[in-house]
């Protein structure tokens, strides 16, 4: 071991080295501490940049497999930002100047402090196509050890939990008291991010609707805080089953503890509670306006991103770009541009997956999207999955605007529509089943199954056989840039409303059959 280890107290690095340069020289002389078999190339290796500032690598080395190692030495958390800047510059210049393949570059950071450095370095490792190693320098007597650290697992997971609560109140006073109760309970778990979406019935909505609903949303909780949740709720995470969504047990347990109101004090909650979903929220909005969003727990002091509008959009989960834990299974809506590849690829892939229940729709939409070559256009992707034709028939008896499944792709530039396409189901103008009751039993397995399928967003069964039995087939329209419309004209094209008008007795029998187990709403938003 070098004589410098006998040293002078109060030295800046590990009380052994006067400065980073002295520590660097020690590592050069003991490169096996970093990794056995390394070949030293140069210290303070200068990488020139003809187009700007260059870089200076503390230690440049080569491993037995031919990888080039950029070894950076730090002794302070305050250097986290400069470390990432330097590493990024080294990688870029080695690729550009030295013509190194990116995968042949390795980055090693040796530091005595890692409290602030590990997370940004983990992000760097996640995004660049190079191996990144973190080594913590520690003193063991008169020796120096370099201990490898595990990178923080960067999980770009959905942030809004799919486990939401929807609570209905007949009066505003108990809702106000319940909000105060939630605020007090939330203070025990201040790191849990909650949003209370407070709604009020629209003046034009039916007076029979409960006037004061609210939805409780919770966001993902960092792993390191799970023990604190268990300490407050008084039981291990994962015991409060059954869960609405696997993988979200900590968030569900924290939320359930916070809103676990004693029913003796809040009988309104016991009467009005239901599991919230994006689909239920979308059905609620035509009749209710968002009054306010109450934020509880771990929100930034100043949040310019997650305003009330964005939080409401996240809870509806109609776009994969919003960060919700489970997308809406009824509606898809996103506006993207090919110019921004990550969001374009995410949105279009999710859109095609959403409409894949009809393979022909997916094929036609994929081909249309592939034809978009402009980078300066805005593309609206919109789809609706009704999945339940007989319910749509029931609704269309009472509301002309009732609709069945469809999709639309609209291409615009600077707010001007250029071209578009849509896919839908149309009626052939002839086919109608002879018996509504037999149809319901054949397709849905019975009246009760059909009713449950109407209100369930988690029903994985598909009921497309109902389409053919009613004469509904796929059709497409294309709007070209010259304003002309092209259509699939080899089939008759009649609407859902046309079917109901042409088959009033059968349509009424559908309603009667479905309502044998209770009243069924007609609101087309449901």
Protein backbone atom coordinates (compact mmCIF):
# COMPACT_ATOMS: atom_id res chain seq x y z
CA UNK A 1 0.00 0.00 0.00
CA UNK A 2 1.29 3.48 -0.82
CA UNK A 3 3.01 5.60 1.84
CA UNK A 4 0.33 8.24 1.34
CA UNK A 5 -2.06 5.97 3.29
CA UNK A 6 -0.05 6.61 6.46
CA UNK A 7 -1.11 10.09 6.16
CA UNK A 8 -2.23 13.28 7.52
CA UNK A 9 -5.61 13.58 9.29
CA UNK A 10 -8.48 15.64 7.83
CA UNK A 11 -7.56 14.98 4.22
CA UNK A 12 -10.42 15.68 1.81
CA UNK A 13 -10.94 12.18 0.38
CA UNK A 14 -11.53 9.41 2.95
CA UNK A 15 -9.11 11.25 5.29
CA UNK A 16 -6.39 9.61 3.17
CA UNK A 17 -5.96 11.77 0.08
CA UNK A 18 -5.49 15.50 -0.19
CA UNK A 19 -7.70 15.81 -3.26
CA UNK A 20 -9.35 13.93 -6.12
CA UNK A 21 -6.15 14.02 -8.18
CA UNK A 22 -4.24 12.19 -5.46
CA UNK A 23 -7.06 9.65 -5.16
CA UNK A 24 -7.06 9.24 -8.95
CA UNK A 25 -3.33 8.50 -8.97
CA UNK A 26 -3.86 5.90 -6.27
CA UNK A 27 -6.49 4.17 -8.41
CA UNK A 28 -4.20 4.27 -11.44
CA UNK A 29 -1.61 2.41 -9.39
CA UNK A 30 -4.24 -0.02 -8.06
CA UNK A 31 -6.54 -0.43 -11.06
CA UNK A 32 -7.48 -3.96 -10.01
CA UNK A 33 -9.60 -2.34 -7.28
CA UNK A 34 -11.90 -1.14 -10.04
CA UNK A 35 -11.92 -4.45 -11.90
CA UNK A 36 -9.31 -7.19 -12.35
CA UNK A 37 -7.61 -7.36 -15.73
CA UNK A 38 -7.94 -3.72 -16.76
CA UNK A 39 -5.28 -2.17 -18.98
CA UNK A 40 -4.40 1.41 -18.07
CA UNK A 41 -4.39 3.73 -21.08
CA UNK A 42 -4.12 7.27 -19.75
CA UNK A 43 -5.11 9.59 -16.94
CA UNK A 44 -6.69 12.97 -17.63
CA UNK A 45 -7.35 11.72 -21.15
CA UNK A 46 -8.40 14.66 -23.32
CA UNK A 47 -11.15 14.10 -25.88
CA UNK A 48 -11.15 17.03 -28.24
CA UNK A 49 -14.34 18.35 -29.75
CA UNK A 50 -13.94 20.37 -32.96
CA UNK A 51 -17.50 21.68 -32.62
CA UNK A 52 -17.45 22.75 -28.96
CA UNK A 53 -16.01 22.02 -25.56
CA UNK A 54 -14.17 18.74 -25.22
CA UNK A 55 -13.86 16.37 -22.32
CA UNK A 56 -11.22 15.11 -19.94
CA UNK A 57 -11.60 11.56 -18.62
CA UNK A 58 -10.05 10.97 -15.17
CA UNK A 59 -8.85 7.47 -16.13
CA UNK A 60 -9.11 5.76 -19.51
CA UNK A 61 -8.73 1.97 -19.49
CA UNK A 62 -9.47 -1.13 -21.54
CA UNK A 63 -10.92 -4.43 -20.34
CA UNK A 64 -9.91 -7.89 -21.67
CA UNK A 65 -12.89 -7.86 -24.06
CA UNK A 66 -11.88 -4.66 -25.81
CA UNK A 67 -14.34 -2.30 -24.11
CA UNK A 68 -13.07 1.22 -23.38
CA UNK A 69 -13.69 2.35 -19.79
CA UNK A 70 -14.23 5.99 -18.84
CA UNK A 71 -13.56 6.07 -15.09
CA UNK A 72 -14.78 9.20 -13.31
CA UNK A 73 -13.83 10.00 -9.70
CA UNK A 74 -16.10 12.11 -7.45
CA UNK A 75 -16.09 12.92 -3.80
CA UNK A 76 -19.24 15.01 -3.40
CA UNK A 77 -22.95 14.66 -4.03
CA UNK A 78 -22.95 18.21 -5.34
CA UNK A 79 -21.23 16.98 -8.48
CA UNK A 80 -24.14 14.76 -9.61
CA UNK A 81 -25.21 17.05 -12.45
CA UNK A 82 -21.68 17.64 -13.74
CA UNK A 83 -20.97 13.88 -13.61
CA UNK A 84 -23.86 13.09 -15.95
CA UNK A 85 -22.91 15.95 -18.24
CA UNK A 86 -19.33 14.68 -18.45
CA UNK A 87 -20.32 11.06 -19.05
CA UNK A 88 -22.75 12.08 -21.79
CA UNK A 89 -20.02 14.13 -23.45
CA UNK A 90 -17.48 11.29 -23.22
CA UNK A 91 -19.82 8.80 -24.84
CA UNK A 92 -20.84 11.19 -27.63
CA UNK A 93 -17.25 12.20 -28.43
CA UNK A 94 -15.88 8.66 -28.34
CA UNK A 95 -18.54 7.62 -30.81
CA UNK A 96 -18.05 10.66 -33.05
CA UNK A 97 -14.30 11.23 -32.84
CA UNK A 98 -12.92 7.76 -32.20
CA UNK A 99 -15.60 5.91 -34.19
CA UNK A 100 -16.28 3.57 -31.27
CA UNK A 101 -19.51 1.57 -31.35
CA UNK A 102 -21.62 2.74 -28.44
CA UNK A 103 -21.87 -0.75 -26.97
CA UNK A 104 -18.05 -0.91 -26.73
CA UNK A 105 -17.99 1.96 -24.21
CA UNK A 106 -18.28 1.49 -20.46
CA UNK A 107 -18.71 4.18 -17.81
CA UNK A 108 -17.49 3.70 -14.23
CA UNK A 109 -18.12 6.24 -11.48
CA UNK A 110 -16.13 6.01 -8.23
CA UNK A 111 -17.42 8.24 -5.43
CA UNK A 112 -17.34 8.49 -1.66
CA UNK A 113 -20.88 9.92 -1.58
CA UNK A 114 -23.92 8.41 -3.29
CA UNK A 115 -26.98 9.89 -1.62
CA UNK A 116 -27.76 12.26 -4.49
CA UNK A 117 -25.72 10.70 -7.28
CA UNK A 118 -27.17 7.19 -7.56
CA UNK A 119 -30.63 8.09 -8.90
CA UNK A 120 -29.50 10.42 -11.74
CA UNK A 121 -26.75 7.95 -12.65
CA UNK A 122 -29.37 5.21 -12.78
CA UNK A 123 -31.43 7.31 -15.18
CA UNK A 124 -28.32 7.83 -17.31
CA UNK A 125 -27.69 4.07 -17.36
CA UNK A 126 -31.30 3.44 -18.36
CA UNK A 127 -31.22 5.75 -21.35
CA UNK A 128 -27.76 5.18 -22.86
CA UNK A 129 -26.66 2.01 -24.59
CA UNK A 130 -23.53 1.59 -22.47
CA UNK A 131 -22.78 -0.34 -19.31
CA UNK A 132 -22.63 1.92 -16.26
CA UNK A 133 -20.99 0.82 -12.98
CA UNK A 134 -21.25 2.61 -9.63
CA UNK A 135 -18.51 2.01 -7.03
CA UNK A 136 -18.53 3.44 -3.54
CA UNK A 137 -15.08 4.20 -2.13
CA UNK A 138 -14.83 3.36 1.57
CA UNK A 139 -11.95 3.24 4.02
CA UNK A 140 -11.17 0.05 5.91
CA UNK A 141 -8.33 0.89 8.27
CA UNK A 142 -5.50 1.99 6.06
CA UNK A 143 -7.00 0.33 2.99
CA UNK A 144 -9.40 1.54 0.30
CA UNK A 145 -12.26 -0.65 -0.85
CA UNK A 146 -14.47 -0.07 -3.87
CA UNK A 147 -17.88 -1.57 -3.20
CA UNK A 148 -20.27 -2.02 -6.15
CA UNK A 149 -23.69 -0.42 -5.78
CA UNK A 150 -26.90 -1.65 -7.29
CA UNK A 151 -28.43 0.84 -9.67
CA UNK A 152 -31.85 2.15 -8.80
CA UNK A 153 -34.42 0.22 -10.78
CA UNK A 154 -35.89 2.80 -13.12
CA UNK A 155 -39.41 1.61 -13.77
CA UNK A 156 -41.42 3.78 -16.11
CA UNK A 157 -44.60 2.26 -14.81
CA UNK A 158 -48.09 3.75 -14.92
CA UNK A 159 -48.40 6.31 -12.15
CA UNK A 160 -52.15 6.50 -11.46
CA UNK A 161 -53.54 3.44 -9.70
CA UNK A 162 -56.51 1.72 -11.36
CA UNK A 163 -57.98 1.25 -7.88
CA UNK A 164 -60.28 4.26 -7.46
CA UNK A 165 -63.29 4.84 -5.23
CA UNK A 166 -66.49 6.49 -6.44
CA UNK A 167 -68.78 7.71 -3.66
CA UNK A 168 -72.23 9.23 -4.09
CA UNK A 169 -73.77 11.71 -1.63
CA UNK A 170 -77.35 12.96 -1.60
CA UNK A 171 -76.33 16.14 0.26
CA UNK A 172 -73.25 18.34 0.29
CA UNK A 173 -72.77 18.54 4.07
CA UNK A 174 -71.73 14.89 4.61
CA UNK A 175 -69.40 15.11 1.63
CA UNK A 176 -67.69 18.17 3.13
CA UNK A 177 -67.30 16.34 6.45
CA UNK A 178 -65.89 13.31 4.67
CA UNK A 179 -63.33 15.45 2.83
CA UNK A 180 -62.20 16.87 6.19
CA UNK A 181 -61.94 13.31 7.52
CA UNK A 182 -59.76 12.33 4.54
CA UNK A 183 -57.50 15.33 5.09
CA UNK A 184 -56.92 14.33 8.72
CA UNK A 185 -56.23 10.70 7.89
CA UNK A 186 -53.98 11.60 4.97
CA UNK A 187 -51.72 13.56 7.32
CA UNK A 188 -50.65 10.21 8.84
CA UNK A 189 -49.37 9.10 5.42
CA UNK A 190 -48.10 12.41 4.00
CA UNK A 191 -46.07 10.75 1.21
CA UNK A 192 -49.18 9.17 -0.35
CA UNK A 193 -50.45 11.30 -3.23
CA UNK A 194 -54.23 11.46 -3.42
CA UNK A 195 -56.66 13.52 -5.48
CA UNK A 196 -60.32 13.96 -4.58
CA UNK A 197 -62.35 14.74 -7.68
CA UNK A 198 -65.39 16.67 -6.48
CA UNK A 199 -68.37 16.75 -8.88
CA UNK A 200 -71.69 18.56 -8.96
CA UNK A 201 -74.75 17.59 -10.96
CA UNK A 202 -75.32 19.75 -14.03
CA UNK A 203 -78.51 21.87 -13.97
CA UNK A 204 -79.85 20.13 -17.10
CA UNK A 205 -79.28 16.62 -15.68
CA UNK A 206 -82.11 14.53 -14.32
CA UNK A 207 -83.13 15.39 -10.76
CA UNK A 208 -83.20 11.66 -10.00
CA UNK A 209 -79.37 11.52 -10.13
CA UNK A 210 -77.44 11.82 -6.88
CA UNK A 211 -76.20 15.43 -6.86
CA UNK A 212 -72.83 15.18 -5.07
CA UNK A 213 -70.46 12.41 -6.21
CA UNK A 214 -66.70 12.30 -5.65
CA UNK A 215 -63.89 10.06 -6.87
CA UNK A 216 -60.75 9.22 -4.86
CA UNK A 217 -57.56 8.57 -6.85
CA UNK A 218 -54.15 7.45 -5.59
CA UNK A 219 -50.75 7.55 -7.29
CA UNK A 220 -47.87 5.05 -7.18
CA UNK A 221 -45.87 4.98 -3.93
CA UNK A 222 -42.10 4.53 -3.91
CA UNK A 223 -40.89 1.12 -2.72
CA UNK A 224 -38.84 2.48 0.16
CA UNK A 225 -41.93 3.78 1.95
CA UNK A 226 -43.84 0.51 2.19
CA UNK A 227 -42.71 -0.22 5.76
CA UNK A 228 -44.09 3.16 6.86
CA UNK A 229 -47.46 2.25 5.35
CA UNK A 230 -47.54 -1.00 7.33
CA UNK A 231 -46.64 0.86 10.52
CA UNK A 232 -49.61 3.22 10.11
CA UNK A 233 -52.25 0.77 8.83
CA UNK A 234 -51.24 -1.84 11.39
CA UNK A 235 -50.93 -4.86 9.11
CA UNK A 236 -48.69 -6.15 6.30
CA UNK A 237 -49.32 -4.86 2.81
CA UNK A 238 -51.27 -7.35 0.74
CA UNK A 239 -53.71 -8.61 3.37
CA UNK A 240 -56.61 -6.32 2.47
CA UNK A 241 -57.86 -8.57 -0.30
CA UNK A 242 -59.58 -8.91 -2.72
CA UNK A 243 -57.77 -6.26 -4.77
CA UNK A 244 -59.12 -4.49 -7.82
CA UNK A 245 -55.73 -4.60 -9.54
CA UNK A 246 -52.71 -6.81 -8.92
CA UNK A 247 -49.41 -5.03 -8.39
CA UNK A 248 -51.03 -2.03 -6.72
CA UNK A 249 -51.45 -3.47 -3.21
CA UNK A 250 -49.46 -0.72 -1.36
CA UNK A 251 -51.48 2.03 -3.01
CA UNK A 252 -54.77 0.23 -2.37
CA UNK A 253 -53.93 -0.47 1.27
CA UNK A 254 -52.88 3.13 1.90
CA UNK A 255 -55.97 4.55 0.18
CA UNK A 256 -58.31 2.11 1.90
CA UNK A 257 -56.92 3.05 5.30
CA UNK A 258 -57.23 6.77 4.61
CA UNK A 259 -60.84 6.56 3.41
CA UNK A 260 -61.92 3.86 5.87
CA UNK A 261 -64.56 6.03 7.48
CA UNK A 262 -66.55 4.63 10.39
CA UNK A 263 -69.98 3.97 8.92
CA UNK A 264 -71.60 5.08 12.15
CA UNK A 265 -70.28 8.59 11.43
CA UNK A 266 -70.65 8.41 7.64
CA UNK A 267 -73.61 6.18 6.75
CA UNK A 268 -73.72 8.03 3.41
CA UNK A 269 -70.40 6.45 2.44
CA UNK A 270 -71.64 2.94 3.21
CA UNK A 271 -74.69 3.56 1.04
CA UNK A 272 -72.94 5.39 -1.79
CA UNK A 273 -69.56 3.66 -2.20
CA UNK A 274 -68.67 1.80 -5.38
CA UNK A 275 -65.46 0.80 -7.11
CA UNK A 276 -64.40 3.53 -9.50
CA UNK A 277 -63.21 2.88 -13.05
CA UNK A 278 -62.35 5.06 -16.06
CA UNK A 279 -65.52 3.78 -17.72
CA UNK A 280 -67.76 4.84 -14.82
CA UNK A 281 -66.11 8.25 -14.76
CA UNK A 282 -66.71 8.75 -18.50
CA UNK A 283 -70.35 7.79 -18.00
CA UNK A 284 -70.66 10.26 -15.14
CA UNK A 285 -69.24 13.31 -16.92
CA UNK A 286 -72.13 14.06 -19.32
CA UNK A 287 -74.30 14.79 -16.29
CA UNK A 288 -71.76 16.20 -13.84
CA UNK A 289 -69.22 19.00 -13.89
CA UNK A 290 -65.88 18.95 -12.07
CA UNK A 291 -66.29 21.37 -9.18
CA UNK A 292 -62.74 21.12 -7.82
CA UNK A 293 -59.80 18.78 -7.25
CA UNK A 294 -58.64 18.48 -3.64
CA UNK A 295 -54.99 17.38 -3.46
CA UNK A 296 -53.81 15.48 -0.40
CA UNK A 297 -50.36 14.19 0.55
CA UNK A 298 -47.22 14.09 -1.54
CA UNK A 299 -47.80 16.74 -4.18
CA UNK A 300 -45.10 19.24 -5.22
CA UNK A 301 -45.51 22.69 -3.71
CA UNK A 302 -45.80 24.10 -7.22
CA UNK A 303 -47.18 21.72 -9.85
CA UNK A 304 -47.58 23.35 -13.25
CA UNK A 305 -48.07 20.01 -15.00
CA UNK A 306 -50.81 18.17 -13.11
CA UNK A 307 -53.57 20.76 -13.19
CA UNK A 308 -57.23 19.83 -12.66
CA UNK A 309 -57.80 19.18 -16.37
CA UNK A 310 -54.89 16.75 -16.63
CA UNK A 311 -55.88 14.87 -13.46
CA UNK A 312 -59.41 14.43 -14.81
CA UNK A 313 -57.98 13.17 -18.12
CA UNK A 314 -55.67 10.75 -16.30
CA UNK A 315 -58.59 9.31 -14.35
CA UNK A 316 -60.57 8.79 -17.58
CA UNK A 317 -57.51 6.96 -19.00
CA UNK A 318 -58.55 7.30 -22.63
CA UNK A 319 -54.94 7.75 -23.80
CA UNK A 320 -51.87 5.61 -23.01
CA UNK A 321 -49.84 8.82 -22.77
CA UNK A 322 -51.51 9.97 -19.55
CA UNK A 323 -49.90 7.49 -17.13
CA UNK A 324 -52.98 5.67 -15.84
CA UNK A 325 -52.61 2.16 -14.46
CA UNK A 326 -55.37 0.68 -16.61
CA UNK A 327 -56.66 2.19 -19.84
CA UNK A 328 -60.35 2.74 -20.41
CA UNK A 329 -61.86 -0.27 -22.11
CA UNK A 330 -64.66 1.74 -23.67
CA UNK A 331 -62.99 4.80 -25.17
CA UNK A 332 -59.66 5.68 -26.73
CA UNK A 333 -58.67 9.23 -27.57
CA UNK A 334 -55.21 10.66 -28.25
CA UNK A 335 -53.79 13.39 -30.46
CA UNK A 336 -50.17 12.82 -31.50
CA UNK A 337 -47.67 13.70 -34.21
CA UNK A 338 -45.23 11.42 -36.09
CA UNK A 339 -42.56 14.05 -35.47
CA UNK A 340 -42.22 12.86 -31.85
CA UNK A 341 -41.43 9.18 -32.24
CA UNK A 342 -41.78 7.84 -28.66
CA UNK A 343 -45.31 9.15 -28.07
CA UNK A 344 -46.31 8.37 -31.68
CA UNK A 345 -45.21 4.75 -31.40
CA UNK A 346 -46.83 4.31 -27.99
CA UNK A 347 -50.14 5.85 -29.01
CA UNK A 348 -50.50 4.12 -32.39
CA UNK A 349 -49.57 0.70 -30.98
CA UNK A 350 -52.12 1.12 -28.17
CA UNK A 351 -54.75 2.35 -30.63
CA UNK A 352 -54.33 -0.69 -32.87
CA UNK A 353 -54.47 -2.95 -29.85
CA UNK A 354 -57.67 -1.22 -28.67
CA UNK A 355 -59.50 -1.92 -31.96
CA UNK A 356 -58.01 -5.39 -32.43
CA UNK A 357 -61.30 -7.02 -31.36
CA UNK A 358 -62.17 -6.56 -35.05
CA UNK A 359 -59.18 -7.81 -37.05
CA UNK A 360 -60.28 -6.10 -40.25
CA UNK A 361 -60.41 -2.75 -38.44
CA UNK A 362 -56.88 -3.24 -37.14
CA UNK A 363 -55.58 -4.16 -40.61
CA UNK A 364 -57.19 -1.16 -42.31
CA UNK A 365 -56.14 1.29 -39.58
CA UNK A 366 -52.55 -0.01 -39.55
CA UNK A 367 -52.29 0.36 -43.32
CA UNK A 368 -53.67 3.90 -43.13
CA UNK A 369 -51.24 4.92 -40.38
CA UNK A 370 -48.33 3.47 -42.36
CA UNK A 371 -49.19 5.82 -45.22
CA UNK A 372 -48.62 8.93 -43.09
CA UNK A 373 -45.26 10.25 -44.24
CA UNK A 374 -45.53 13.90 -43.14
CA UNK A 375 -43.83 14.85 -39.89
CA UNK A 376 -45.64 18.17 -39.42
CA UNK A 377 -49.19 16.83 -39.07
CA UNK A 378 -51.40 16.24 -36.06
CA UNK A 379 -53.19 12.89 -35.92
CA UNK A 380 -56.30 12.32 -33.82
CA UNK A 381 -56.94 8.70 -32.85
CA UNK A 382 -60.44 8.08 -31.53
CA UNK A 383 -62.30 4.83 -30.91
CA UNK A 384 -65.32 3.58 -29.00
CA UNK A 385 -65.82 -0.05 -27.99
CA UNK A 386 -69.42 -0.73 -27.07
CA UNK A 387 -68.98 -4.52 -27.11
CA UNK A 388 -72.67 -5.03 -26.32
CA UNK A 389 -74.94 -4.65 -29.36
CA UNK A 390 -78.23 -5.47 -27.61
CA UNK A 391 -77.62 -2.74 -25.02
CA UNK A 392 -76.93 -0.31 -27.87
CA UNK A 393 -80.25 -1.35 -29.45
CA UNK A 394 -82.00 -0.69 -26.14
CA UNK A 395 -80.44 2.77 -25.91
CA UNK A 396 -81.19 3.64 -29.55
CA UNK A 397 -84.91 3.12 -28.90
CA UNK A 398 -84.84 6.23 -26.72
CA UNK A 399 -81.90 8.31 -27.97
CA UNK A 400 -80.99 9.01 -31.59
CA UNK A 401 -77.40 9.76 -30.57
CA UNK A 402 -76.85 6.27 -29.17
CA UNK A 403 -73.89 4.72 -30.94
CA UNK A 404 -72.15 1.42 -31.43
CA UNK A 405 -68.43 0.67 -31.80
CA UNK A 406 -66.36 2.77 -34.22
CA UNK A 407 -62.90 4.19 -34.82
CA UNK A 408 -61.62 7.35 -36.49
CA UNK A 409 -58.22 8.62 -37.66
CA UNK A 410 -58.11 12.34 -38.55
CA UNK A 411 -55.00 14.04 -39.98
CA UNK A 412 -54.68 17.82 -39.65
CA UNK A 413 -52.12 20.54 -40.21
CA UNK A 414 -52.32 23.82 -38.31
CA UNK A 415 -55.89 23.06 -37.30
CA UNK A 416 -57.08 22.30 -40.84
CA UNK A 417 -58.37 18.79 -41.54
CA UNK A 418 -56.44 17.20 -44.41
CA UNK A 419 -57.83 13.70 -44.62
CA UNK A 420 -59.40 11.03 -42.44
CA UNK A 421 -60.77 7.53 -42.26
CA UNK A 422 -63.29 5.78 -40.07
CA UNK A 423 -64.45 2.27 -39.44
CA UNK A 424 -67.82 1.24 -38.05
CA UNK A 425 -70.50 -1.40 -38.04
CA UNK A 426 -73.46 -0.90 -40.39
CA UNK A 427 -76.68 -2.86 -40.74
CA UNK A 428 -77.37 -4.76 -43.96
CA UNK A 429 -80.98 -3.54 -43.97
CA UNK A 430 -82.48 -7.02 -43.83
CA UNK A 431 -81.28 -9.30 -41.04
CA UNK A 432 -83.07 -9.47 -37.69
CA UNK A 433 -83.13 -12.40 -35.25
CA UNK A 434 -86.54 -14.03 -34.77
CA UNK A 435 -86.45 -14.01 -30.96
CA UNK A 436 -84.87 -11.44 -28.61
CA UNK A 437 -84.91 -13.85 -25.67
CA UNK A 438 -83.19 -16.64 -27.61
CA UNK A 439 -80.61 -14.18 -28.94
CA UNK A 440 -79.73 -12.98 -25.44
CA UNK A 441 -79.33 -16.54 -24.18
CA UNK A 442 -77.33 -17.64 -27.24
CA UNK A 443 -74.84 -14.77 -27.27
CA UNK A 444 -74.59 -13.75 -23.61
CA UNK A 445 -75.49 -16.97 -21.79
CA UNK A 446 -78.64 -15.61 -20.18
CA UNK A 447 -80.33 -12.40 -19.09
CA UNK A 448 -78.33 -11.97 -15.90
CA UNK A 449 -75.05 -12.54 -17.73
CA UNK A 450 -76.07 -9.97 -20.32
CA UNK A 451 -76.93 -7.42 -17.63
CA UNK A 452 -73.70 -7.97 -15.72
CA UNK A 453 -71.69 -7.65 -18.94
CA UNK A 454 -73.27 -4.24 -19.59
CA UNK A 455 -71.97 -2.74 -16.37
CA UNK A 456 -68.69 -4.56 -16.07
CA UNK A 457 -65.50 -2.96 -17.36
CA UNK A 458 -63.49 -6.05 -16.48
CA UNK A 459 -65.56 -8.49 -18.53
CA UNK A 460 -63.04 -10.10 -20.89
CA UNK A 461 -65.62 -11.90 -23.03
CA UNK A 462 -66.34 -10.57 -26.50
CA UNK A 463 -69.81 -10.63 -27.98
CA UNK A 464 -69.11 -10.05 -31.67
CA UNK A 465 -71.36 -13.00 -32.72
CA UNK A 466 -74.27 -10.66 -32.03
CA UNK A 467 -73.14 -8.54 -34.97
CA UNK A 468 -73.59 -11.23 -37.60
CA UNK A 469 -76.86 -12.43 -36.09
CA UNK A 470 -78.26 -8.90 -36.44
CA UNK A 471 -76.72 -8.25 -39.88
CA UNK A 472 -74.11 -5.75 -38.68
CA UNK A 473 -70.88 -5.80 -40.70
CA UNK A 474 -67.73 -3.68 -40.94
CA UNK A 475 -67.62 -0.67 -43.23
CA UNK A 476 -65.07 2.07 -43.91
CA UNK A 477 -65.03 5.64 -45.19
CA UNK A 478 -62.04 7.67 -46.38
CA UNK A 479 -62.04 11.45 -46.66
CA UNK A 480 -59.42 12.55 -49.20
CA UNK A 481 -57.60 15.89 -49.32
CA UNK A 482 -59.74 17.07 -52.26
CA UNK A 483 -62.85 16.70 -50.10
CA UNK A 484 -64.13 13.56 -51.79
CA UNK A 485 -65.33 10.59 -49.75
CA UNK A 486 -64.59 6.99 -50.67
CA UNK A 487 -66.54 4.17 -49.04
CA UNK A 488 -66.90 0.43 -49.03
CA UNK A 489 -70.03 0.29 -51.16
CA UNK A 490 -70.36 -3.44 -51.73
CA UNK A 491 -72.70 -3.64 -48.75
CA UNK A 492 -75.89 -1.90 -47.69
CA UNK A 493 -75.14 0.82 -45.16
CA UNK A 494 -77.81 1.39 -42.54
CA UNK A 495 -77.33 2.75 -39.04
CA UNK A 496 -78.17 1.42 -35.62
CA UNK A 497 -81.11 3.81 -35.58
CA UNK A 498 -82.30 2.40 -38.91
CA UNK A 499 -82.29 -1.10 -37.42
CA UNK A 500 -84.43 0.02 -34.49
CA UNK A 501 -86.85 1.92 -36.74
CA UNK A 502 -87.20 -1.08 -39.08
CA UNK A 503 -87.57 -3.62 -36.27
CA UNK A 504 -89.56 -1.91 -33.51
CA UNK A 505 -91.13 -5.06 -32.06
CA UNK A 506 -87.82 -6.92 -31.84
CA UNK A 507 -86.08 -3.86 -30.34
CA UNK A 508 -88.81 -3.48 -27.73
CA UNK A 509 -88.50 -7.18 -26.94
CA UNK A 510 -84.75 -6.66 -26.38
CA UNK A 511 -85.54 -3.99 -23.77
CA UNK A 512 -88.22 -6.15 -22.14
CA UNK A 513 -85.85 -9.13 -21.96
CA UNK A 514 -83.01 -7.16 -20.41
CA UNK A 515 -85.35 -5.49 -17.91
CA UNK A 516 -86.74 -8.74 -16.56
CA UNK A 517 -84.19 -8.41 -13.75
CA UNK A 518 -84.64 -4.67 -13.17
CA UNK A 519 -84.76 -1.27 -14.80
CA UNK A 520 -82.00 -0.53 -17.32
CA UNK A 521 -80.92 3.07 -18.01
CA UNK A 522 -81.16 4.45 -21.51
CA UNK A 523 -78.54 7.21 -21.23
CA UNK A 524 -76.27 6.80 -24.31
CA UNK A 525 -73.24 7.86 -22.27
CA UNK A 526 -73.51 4.75 -20.11
